[in-house]
């Protein structure tokens, strides 16, 4: 869907979440702790486009529910498992630096 593609490019890091999702909160907190000012879109709080974006993300990720869905530099990185794996392997911060999301 064009809306997800457009929103995924609005900042260096974009996270699609649901307001009642504990893993979404964890991922958003991780990026915040790393000093990233991510754009966060809560799909359940968007009555006009939320369902369509949820379906699009489910298709892209191949899973449901599709949140959290993290985009870095406009590219889909994945969900919690992928983000945490990258972080633990020391690969997340370099990705964020390359995307201009953090400078240090």
N, C-alpha and C. Protein backbone atom coordinates (compact mmCIF):
# COMPACT_ATOMS: atom_id res chain seq x y z
N UNK A 1 0.84 -1.19 0.00
CA UNK A 1 0.00 0.00 0.00
C UNK A 1 0.88 1.24 0.00
N UNK A 2 0.47 2.21 -0.71
CA UNK A 2 1.26 3.43 -0.84
C UNK A 2 1.43 4.18 0.47
N UNK A 3 0.43 4.11 1.33
CA UNK A 3 0.50 4.86 2.59
C UNK A 3 1.66 4.37 3.46
N UNK A 4 1.82 3.05 3.58
CA UNK A 4 2.93 2.51 4.38
C UNK A 4 4.25 2.93 3.74
N UNK A 5 4.36 2.82 2.43
CA UNK A 5 5.59 3.20 1.74
C UNK A 5 5.92 4.67 1.98
N UNK A 6 4.92 5.53 1.90
CA UNK A 6 5.12 6.96 2.10
C UNK A 6 5.54 7.26 3.55
N UNK A 7 4.81 6.70 4.51
CA UNK A 7 5.11 6.95 5.92
C UNK A 7 6.47 6.38 6.32
N UNK A 8 6.86 5.27 5.71
CA UNK A 8 8.12 4.62 6.08
C UNK A 8 9.33 5.47 5.71
N UNK A 9 9.11 6.49 4.89
CA UNK A 9 10.20 7.36 4.45
C UNK A 9 10.22 8.71 5.19
N UNK A 10 9.26 8.93 6.10
CA UNK A 10 9.14 10.26 6.68
C UNK A 10 10.26 10.62 7.65
N UNK A 11 10.90 9.64 8.25
CA UNK A 11 12.04 9.87 9.14
C UNK A 11 13.02 8.71 8.93
N UNK A 12 14.21 8.84 9.52
CA UNK A 12 15.21 7.78 9.39
C UNK A 12 14.72 6.46 9.99
N UNK A 13 13.94 6.55 11.06
CA UNK A 13 13.36 5.35 11.69
C UNK A 13 11.86 5.57 11.85
N UNK A 14 11.10 4.60 11.34
CA UNK A 14 9.64 4.64 11.45
C UNK A 14 9.19 3.31 12.04
N UNK A 15 8.34 3.39 13.06
CA UNK A 15 7.85 2.19 13.73
C UNK A 15 6.33 2.20 13.69
N UNK A 16 5.76 1.13 13.15
CA UNK A 16 4.31 0.94 13.16
C UNK A 16 4.00 0.05 14.36
N UNK A 17 3.06 0.51 15.20
CA UNK A 17 2.76 -0.17 16.45
C UNK A 17 1.25 -0.28 16.66
N UNK A 18 0.91 -0.86 17.79
CA UNK A 18 -0.46 -0.85 18.31
C UNK A 18 -0.36 -0.37 19.76
N UNK A 19 -1.32 0.40 20.19
CA UNK A 19 -1.24 1.01 21.52
C UNK A 19 -1.25 0.00 22.66
N UNK A 20 -1.79 -1.19 22.43
CA UNK A 20 -1.90 -2.19 23.49
C UNK A 20 -0.87 -3.31 23.34
N UNK A 21 0.19 -3.09 22.58
CA UNK A 21 1.18 -4.12 22.28
C UNK A 21 2.43 -3.94 23.14
N UNK A 22 2.70 -4.85 24.09
CA UNK A 22 3.87 -4.69 24.95
C UNK A 22 5.19 -4.77 24.17
N UNK A 23 5.27 -5.59 23.14
CA UNK A 23 6.51 -5.68 22.36
C UNK A 23 6.74 -4.39 21.57
N UNK A 24 5.67 -3.76 21.15
CA UNK A 24 5.79 -2.46 20.48
C UNK A 24 6.42 -1.44 21.42
N UNK A 25 5.94 -1.43 22.64
CA UNK A 25 6.48 -0.51 23.65
C UNK A 25 7.98 -0.78 23.87
N UNK A 26 8.35 -2.06 23.91
CA UNK A 26 9.75 -2.44 24.11
C UNK A 26 10.62 -1.92 22.98
N UNK A 27 10.17 -2.10 21.74
CA UNK A 27 10.95 -1.66 20.58
C UNK A 27 11.05 -0.13 20.55
N UNK A 28 9.95 0.55 20.79
CA UNK A 28 9.97 2.02 20.81
C UNK A 28 10.91 2.51 21.91
N UNK A 29 10.88 1.87 23.07
CA UNK A 29 11.77 2.24 24.18
C UNK A 29 13.23 2.02 23.82
N UNK A 30 13.54 0.92 23.15
CA UNK A 30 14.92 0.65 22.74
C UNK A 30 15.44 1.79 21.85
N UNK A 31 14.67 2.15 20.84
CA UNK A 31 15.12 3.22 19.95
C UNK A 31 15.24 4.54 20.69
N UNK A 32 14.32 4.82 21.59
CA UNK A 32 14.39 6.04 22.38
C UNK A 32 15.65 6.04 23.25
N UNK A 33 15.95 4.91 23.88
CA UNK A 33 17.15 4.80 24.72
C UNK A 33 18.42 4.99 23.91
N UNK A 34 18.38 4.62 22.63
CA UNK A 34 19.54 4.79 21.76
C UNK A 34 19.65 6.22 21.22
N UNK A 35 18.67 7.06 21.55
CA UNK A 35 18.70 8.44 21.13
C UNK A 35 18.05 8.70 19.79
N UNK A 36 17.25 7.77 19.34
CA UNK A 36 16.58 7.89 18.04
C UNK A 36 15.24 8.58 18.22
N UNK A 37 14.99 9.58 17.41
CA UNK A 37 13.68 10.24 17.38
C UNK A 37 12.83 9.61 16.29
N UNK A 38 12.33 8.44 16.54
CA UNK A 38 11.56 7.69 15.54
C UNK A 38 10.17 8.26 15.36
N UNK A 39 9.64 8.10 14.16
CA UNK A 39 8.23 8.38 13.92
C UNK A 39 7.47 7.11 14.30
N UNK A 40 6.48 7.24 15.15
CA UNK A 40 5.71 6.09 15.62
C UNK A 40 4.27 6.25 15.17
N UNK A 41 3.75 5.23 14.50
CA UNK A 41 2.36 5.24 14.03
C UNK A 41 1.60 4.09 14.68
N UNK A 42 0.64 4.43 15.52
CA UNK A 42 -0.19 3.42 16.18
C UNK A 42 -1.37 3.10 15.26
N UNK A 43 -1.35 1.92 14.69
CA UNK A 43 -2.35 1.55 13.69
C UNK A 43 -3.76 1.52 14.26
N UNK A 44 -3.90 1.11 15.51
CA UNK A 44 -5.24 1.03 16.11
C UNK A 44 -5.81 2.41 16.44
N UNK A 45 -4.99 3.44 16.36
CA UNK A 45 -5.46 4.80 16.63
C UNK A 45 -5.77 5.56 15.34
N UNK A 46 -5.67 4.87 14.20
CA UNK A 46 -5.94 5.50 12.90
C UNK A 46 -7.18 4.85 12.29
N UNK A 47 -8.38 5.39 12.59
CA UNK A 47 -9.60 4.76 12.12
C UNK A 47 -9.77 4.80 10.60
N UNK A 48 -9.11 5.72 9.96
CA UNK A 48 -9.26 5.86 8.52
C UNK A 48 -8.38 4.90 7.72
N UNK A 49 -7.12 4.72 8.16
CA UNK A 49 -6.17 3.93 7.38
C UNK A 49 -5.55 2.76 8.14
N UNK A 50 -5.80 2.66 9.42
CA UNK A 50 -5.15 1.66 10.26
C UNK A 50 -5.28 0.22 9.78
N UNK A 51 -6.49 -0.19 9.46
CA UNK A 51 -6.72 -1.58 9.02
C UNK A 51 -6.00 -1.89 7.72
N UNK A 52 -6.05 -0.96 6.76
CA UNK A 52 -5.38 -1.18 5.48
C UNK A 52 -3.86 -1.27 5.67
N UNK A 53 -3.31 -0.41 6.52
CA UNK A 53 -1.87 -0.46 6.78
C UNK A 53 -1.50 -1.75 7.49
N UNK A 54 -2.36 -2.20 8.40
CA UNK A 54 -2.11 -3.46 9.11
C UNK A 54 -2.06 -4.63 8.13
N UNK A 55 -2.99 -4.67 7.18
CA UNK A 55 -2.99 -5.74 6.17
C UNK A 55 -1.74 -5.68 5.30
N UNK A 56 -1.35 -4.48 4.91
CA UNK A 56 -0.15 -4.32 4.09
C UNK A 56 1.09 -4.79 4.84
N UNK A 57 1.21 -4.40 6.09
CA UNK A 57 2.37 -4.82 6.89
C UNK A 57 2.37 -6.33 7.13
N UNK A 58 1.19 -6.92 7.34
CA UNK A 58 1.10 -8.37 7.53
C UNK A 58 1.58 -9.10 6.27
N UNK A 59 1.23 -8.55 5.12
CA UNK A 59 1.68 -9.14 3.86
C UNK A 59 3.20 -9.02 3.72
N UNK A 60 3.73 -7.87 4.04
CA UNK A 60 5.17 -7.63 3.92
C UNK A 60 5.98 -8.50 4.89
N UNK A 61 5.48 -8.61 6.12
CA UNK A 61 6.19 -9.37 7.14
C UNK A 61 5.90 -10.87 7.09
N UNK A 62 4.78 -11.22 6.46
CA UNK A 62 4.39 -12.63 6.42
C UNK A 62 3.91 -13.15 7.75
N UNK A 63 3.35 -12.26 8.55
CA UNK A 63 2.85 -12.67 9.87
C UNK A 63 1.77 -11.72 10.36
N UNK A 64 1.01 -12.23 11.29
CA UNK A 64 -0.02 -11.42 11.91
C UNK A 64 -0.04 -11.73 13.40
N UNK A 65 -0.06 -10.75 14.27
CA UNK A 65 -0.15 -9.33 13.98
C UNK A 65 1.17 -8.80 13.44
N UNK A 66 1.10 -7.76 12.64
CA UNK A 66 2.30 -7.25 11.98
C UNK A 66 3.05 -6.16 12.75
N UNK A 67 2.73 -6.00 14.01
CA UNK A 67 3.39 -4.96 14.79
C UNK A 67 4.21 -5.57 15.92
N UNK A 68 5.31 -4.94 16.29
CA UNK A 68 5.86 -3.74 15.68
C UNK A 68 6.51 -4.05 14.34
N UNK A 69 6.47 -3.09 13.45
CA UNK A 69 7.16 -3.17 12.17
C UNK A 69 8.09 -1.97 12.08
N UNK A 70 9.38 -2.25 11.94
CA UNK A 70 10.40 -1.21 11.98
C UNK A 70 11.00 -1.00 10.59
N UNK A 71 11.04 0.26 10.19
CA UNK A 71 11.69 0.66 8.95
C UNK A 71 12.87 1.55 9.31
N UNK A 72 14.02 1.28 8.70
CA UNK A 72 15.19 2.13 8.85
C UNK A 72 15.61 2.56 7.45
N UNK A 73 15.73 3.85 7.27
CA UNK A 73 16.07 4.43 5.97
C UNK A 73 15.10 3.96 4.88
N UNK A 74 13.83 3.83 5.26
CA UNK A 74 12.80 3.45 4.30
C UNK A 74 12.73 1.97 3.98
N UNK A 75 13.59 1.17 4.59
CA UNK A 75 13.60 -0.27 4.32
C UNK A 75 13.06 -1.04 5.51
N UNK A 76 12.22 -2.01 5.24
CA UNK A 76 11.65 -2.83 6.31
C UNK A 76 12.75 -3.69 6.93
N UNK A 77 12.98 -3.47 8.22
CA UNK A 77 13.96 -4.27 8.96
C UNK A 77 13.28 -5.51 9.52
N UNK A 78 12.08 -5.33 10.06
CA UNK A 78 11.35 -6.45 10.62
C UNK A 78 10.66 -6.09 11.91
N UNK A 79 10.45 -7.11 12.71
CA UNK A 79 9.72 -6.95 13.96
C UNK A 79 10.69 -7.06 15.13
N UNK A 80 10.15 -7.31 16.31
CA UNK A 80 10.94 -7.33 17.53
C UNK A 80 12.11 -8.30 17.45
N UNK A 81 11.87 -9.52 16.99
CA UNK A 81 12.94 -10.52 16.96
C UNK A 81 14.12 -10.06 16.11
N UNK A 82 13.85 -9.50 14.95
CA UNK A 82 14.91 -9.05 14.06
C UNK A 82 15.65 -7.84 14.65
N UNK A 83 14.90 -6.89 15.19
CA UNK A 83 15.52 -5.70 15.79
C UNK A 83 16.41 -6.08 16.96
N UNK A 84 15.92 -6.94 17.83
CA UNK A 84 16.70 -7.35 19.00
C UNK A 84 17.93 -8.16 18.58
N UNK A 85 17.79 -9.01 17.58
CA UNK A 85 18.93 -9.78 17.07
C UNK A 85 20.02 -8.85 16.54
N UNK A 86 19.61 -7.85 15.77
CA UNK A 86 20.57 -6.89 15.24
C UNK A 86 21.24 -6.13 16.38
N UNK A 87 20.47 -5.75 17.38
CA UNK A 87 21.02 -5.00 18.51
C UNK A 87 22.03 -5.84 19.28
N UNK A 88 21.68 -7.07 19.59
CA UNK A 88 22.57 -7.94 20.35
C UNK A 88 23.84 -8.29 19.57
N UNK A 89 23.74 -8.32 18.25
CA UNK A 89 24.91 -8.62 17.40
C UNK A 89 25.76 -7.38 17.13
N UNK A 90 25.34 -6.23 17.66
CA UNK A 90 26.09 -5.00 17.46
C UNK A 90 25.92 -4.39 16.08
N UNK A 91 24.87 -4.77 15.38
CA UNK A 91 24.64 -4.28 14.02
C UNK A 91 23.59 -3.18 13.92
N UNK A 92 22.79 -3.00 14.96
CA UNK A 92 21.71 -2.01 14.89
C UNK A 92 22.25 -0.58 14.91
N UNK A 93 23.15 -0.28 15.82
CA UNK A 93 23.68 1.08 15.93
C UNK A 93 24.38 1.51 14.63
N UNK A 94 25.22 0.67 14.01
CA UNK A 94 25.78 1.09 12.72
C UNK A 94 24.72 1.36 11.65
N UNK A 95 23.65 0.58 11.64
CA UNK A 95 22.55 0.83 10.70
C UNK A 95 21.92 2.20 10.97
N UNK A 96 21.74 2.51 12.24
CA UNK A 96 21.13 3.78 12.61
C UNK A 96 22.04 4.96 12.26
N UNK A 97 23.35 4.77 12.45
CA UNK A 97 24.30 5.81 12.08
C UNK A 97 24.28 6.04 10.57
N UNK A 98 24.29 4.96 9.81
CA UNK A 98 24.29 5.06 8.35
C UNK A 98 23.03 5.74 7.83
N UNK A 99 21.92 5.56 8.55
CA UNK A 99 20.64 6.16 8.15
C UNK A 99 20.51 7.61 8.63
N UNK A 100 21.44 8.05 9.44
CA UNK A 100 21.37 9.41 9.97
C UNK A 100 20.42 9.55 11.14
N UNK A 101 20.07 8.43 11.77
CA UNK A 101 19.14 8.46 12.91
C UNK A 101 19.86 8.84 14.20
N UNK A 102 21.15 8.52 14.28
CA UNK A 102 21.98 8.90 15.41
C UNK A 102 23.36 9.31 14.87
N UNK A 103 24.08 10.06 15.67
CA UNK A 103 25.37 10.57 15.22
C UNK A 103 26.53 10.04 16.03
N UNK A 104 26.31 9.58 17.22
CA UNK A 104 27.40 9.12 18.08
C UNK A 104 27.62 7.63 18.00
